[in-house]
N, C-alpha and C. Protein backbone atom coordinates (compact mmCIF):
# COMPACT_ATOMS: atom_id res chain seq x y z
N MET A 1 0.85 -1.15 0.01
CA MET A 1 0.04 0.03 0.01
C MET A 1 0.86 1.23 -0.04
N GLY A 2 0.62 2.15 -0.86
CA GLY A 2 1.34 3.39 -0.98
C GLY A 2 1.12 4.29 0.21
N THR A 3 1.94 5.31 0.25
CA THR A 3 1.83 6.32 1.42
C THR A 3 0.50 7.00 1.25
N LYS A 4 0.08 7.43 0.14
CA LYS A 4 -1.17 8.21 0.10
C LYS A 4 -2.35 7.36 0.49
N GLN A 5 -2.26 6.08 0.02
CA GLN A 5 -3.39 5.14 0.40
C GLN A 5 -3.49 4.99 1.99
N GLN A 6 -2.32 4.84 2.57
CA GLN A 6 -2.15 4.69 3.99
C GLN A 6 -2.73 5.97 4.70
N ILE A 7 -2.37 7.09 4.30
CA ILE A 7 -2.95 8.31 4.89
C ILE A 7 -4.46 8.39 4.72
N LEU A 8 -4.95 8.10 3.55
CA LEU A 8 -6.40 8.12 3.36
C LEU A 8 -7.13 7.15 4.26
N LYS A 9 -6.54 5.96 4.30
CA LYS A 9 -7.16 4.83 5.10
C LYS A 9 -7.11 5.33 6.64
N ALA A 10 -6.06 5.92 7.15
CA ALA A 10 -6.02 6.43 8.53
C ALA A 10 -7.12 7.50 8.77
N ILE A 11 -7.28 8.40 7.84
CA ILE A 11 -8.24 9.35 7.99
C ILE A 11 -9.66 8.77 8.02
N GLN A 12 -9.82 7.84 7.03
CA GLN A 12 -11.19 7.26 6.98
C GLN A 12 -11.53 6.46 8.20
N GLU A 13 -10.65 5.87 8.90
CA GLU A 13 -10.81 5.07 10.03
C GLU A 13 -11.05 5.89 11.33
N LEU A 14 -10.88 7.22 11.24
CA LEU A 14 -11.14 8.14 12.39
C LEU A 14 -12.65 8.13 12.60
N PRO A 15 -13.05 8.33 13.97
CA PRO A 15 -14.43 8.41 14.31
C PRO A 15 -15.11 9.70 13.56
N GLU A 16 -16.33 9.71 13.45
CA GLU A 16 -16.96 10.81 12.82
C GLU A 16 -16.79 12.19 13.47
N ASP A 17 -16.58 12.15 14.76
CA ASP A 17 -16.46 13.29 15.62
C ASP A 17 -15.01 13.73 15.77
N ALA A 18 -14.09 13.13 14.97
CA ALA A 18 -12.68 13.44 15.09
C ALA A 18 -12.41 14.80 14.54
N GLY A 19 -11.45 15.55 15.11
CA GLY A 19 -11.04 16.87 14.59
C GLY A 19 -9.78 16.79 13.86
N VAL A 20 -9.23 17.93 13.39
CA VAL A 20 -8.04 18.01 12.73
C VAL A 20 -6.79 17.49 13.61
N GLU A 21 -6.85 17.91 14.84
CA GLU A 21 -5.84 17.46 15.78
C GLU A 21 -5.76 15.93 15.84
N ASP A 22 -6.91 15.35 15.94
CA ASP A 22 -6.93 13.82 15.89
C ASP A 22 -6.24 13.21 14.67
N ALA A 23 -6.63 13.86 13.51
CA ALA A 23 -6.17 13.27 12.27
C ALA A 23 -4.45 13.57 12.26
N LEU A 24 -4.09 14.71 12.71
CA LEU A 24 -2.69 14.93 12.79
C LEU A 24 -1.97 14.05 13.70
N ASP A 25 -2.54 13.77 14.84
CA ASP A 25 -2.00 12.80 15.82
C ASP A 25 -1.80 11.42 15.20
N ARG A 26 -2.97 10.97 14.52
CA ARG A 26 -2.86 9.71 13.82
C ARG A 26 -1.81 9.67 12.74
N LEU A 27 -1.66 10.65 11.96
CA LEU A 27 -0.71 10.67 10.94
C LEU A 27 0.73 10.72 11.50
N TYR A 28 0.90 11.41 12.55
CA TYR A 28 2.20 11.55 13.15
C TYR A 28 2.62 10.12 13.71
N LEU A 29 1.67 9.46 14.32
CA LEU A 29 1.98 8.08 14.91
C LEU A 29 2.47 7.17 13.73
N LEU A 30 1.70 7.19 12.59
CA LEU A 30 2.00 6.39 11.49
C LEU A 30 3.36 6.80 10.93
N TYR A 31 3.73 7.95 10.90
CA TYR A 31 4.99 8.46 10.47
C TYR A 31 6.15 7.86 11.29
N LYS A 32 5.97 7.96 12.73
CA LYS A 32 6.91 7.55 13.50
C LYS A 32 7.16 5.99 13.53
N VAL A 33 5.96 5.27 13.32
CA VAL A 33 6.09 3.77 13.26
C VAL A 33 6.89 3.43 11.90
N GLU A 34 6.51 4.11 10.78
CA GLU A 34 7.22 3.83 9.50
C GLU A 34 8.76 4.23 9.67
N ARG A 35 9.00 5.25 10.37
CA ARG A 35 10.39 5.72 10.39
C ARG A 35 11.15 4.59 11.34
N GLY A 36 10.50 4.15 12.32
CA GLY A 36 11.18 3.17 13.21
C GLY A 36 11.41 1.83 12.53
N LEU A 37 10.45 1.45 11.71
CA LEU A 37 10.66 0.35 10.96
C LEU A 37 11.80 0.41 9.95
N GLN A 38 11.93 1.57 9.24
CA GLN A 38 12.95 1.76 8.36
C GLN A 38 14.37 1.74 9.11
N GLN A 39 14.39 2.39 10.32
CA GLN A 39 15.64 2.36 11.12
C GLN A 39 16.01 0.98 11.48
N ALA A 40 15.04 0.17 11.87
CA ALA A 40 15.31 -1.24 12.24
C ALA A 40 15.80 -2.07 11.04
N ASP A 41 15.15 -1.85 9.85
CA ASP A 41 15.57 -2.58 8.69
C ASP A 41 17.17 -2.21 8.35
N SER A 42 17.46 -0.93 8.60
CA SER A 42 18.82 -0.47 8.25
C SER A 42 19.82 -0.78 9.32
N GLY A 43 19.46 -1.49 10.40
CA GLY A 43 20.35 -1.85 11.50
C GLY A 43 20.53 -0.74 12.51
N GLU A 44 19.69 0.25 12.53
CA GLU A 44 19.91 1.27 13.52
C GLU A 44 19.03 0.98 14.77
N LEU A 45 19.52 0.07 15.56
CA LEU A 45 18.87 -0.39 16.73
C LEU A 45 19.67 -0.18 17.99
N LEU A 46 18.95 -0.07 19.06
CA LEU A 46 19.65 0.13 20.37
C LEU A 46 19.50 -1.05 21.18
N SER A 47 20.54 -1.42 21.94
CA SER A 47 20.44 -2.52 22.92
C SER A 47 19.49 -2.20 23.97
N GLN A 48 19.16 -3.26 24.77
CA GLN A 48 18.22 -3.11 25.82
C GLN A 48 18.87 -2.28 26.89
N GLU A 49 20.15 -2.45 27.01
CA GLU A 49 20.85 -1.60 28.09
C GLU A 49 20.95 -0.20 27.71
N GLU A 50 21.11 0.23 26.46
CA GLU A 50 21.16 1.48 26.04
C GLU A 50 19.79 2.25 26.22
N VAL A 51 18.75 1.47 25.85
CA VAL A 51 17.41 1.99 26.21
C VAL A 51 17.22 2.28 27.66
N ARG A 52 17.63 1.38 28.49
CA ARG A 52 17.51 1.57 29.91
C ARG A 52 18.23 2.75 30.40
N LEU A 53 19.40 2.97 29.97
CA LEU A 53 20.20 4.18 30.31
C LEU A 53 19.50 5.46 29.82
N ARG A 54 19.01 5.51 28.60
CA ARG A 54 18.31 6.76 28.14
C ARG A 54 17.08 6.96 28.94
N MET A 55 16.31 5.91 29.23
CA MET A 55 15.07 6.09 29.96
C MET A 55 15.38 6.62 31.34
N ALA A 56 16.49 6.12 31.95
CA ALA A 56 16.89 6.54 33.27
C ALA A 56 17.06 8.09 33.29
N LYS A 57 17.74 8.61 32.20
CA LYS A 57 17.98 10.01 32.12
C LYS A 57 16.67 10.78 31.98
N TRP A 58 15.78 10.23 31.19
CA TRP A 58 14.50 10.91 31.03
C TRP A 58 13.57 11.03 32.33
N LEU A 59 13.79 10.00 33.12
CA LEU A 59 12.90 9.82 34.31
C LEU A 59 13.47 10.60 35.52
N LYS A 60 14.64 11.23 35.37
CA LYS A 60 15.13 12.01 36.51
C LYS A 60 14.37 13.26 36.82
């Protein structure tokens, strides 16, 4: 499925009372997931230990 089709599908699946902010949130989530999958495919991964260290800094 192409990008345009994914965008249209995501918008069509929103509830009838969804607003522009809801649509933007959904599209941003799809973008981040797609970006993460591309990074994983290219080997840009973090070890579990690296994730723990980064999260420990965020939670301070």
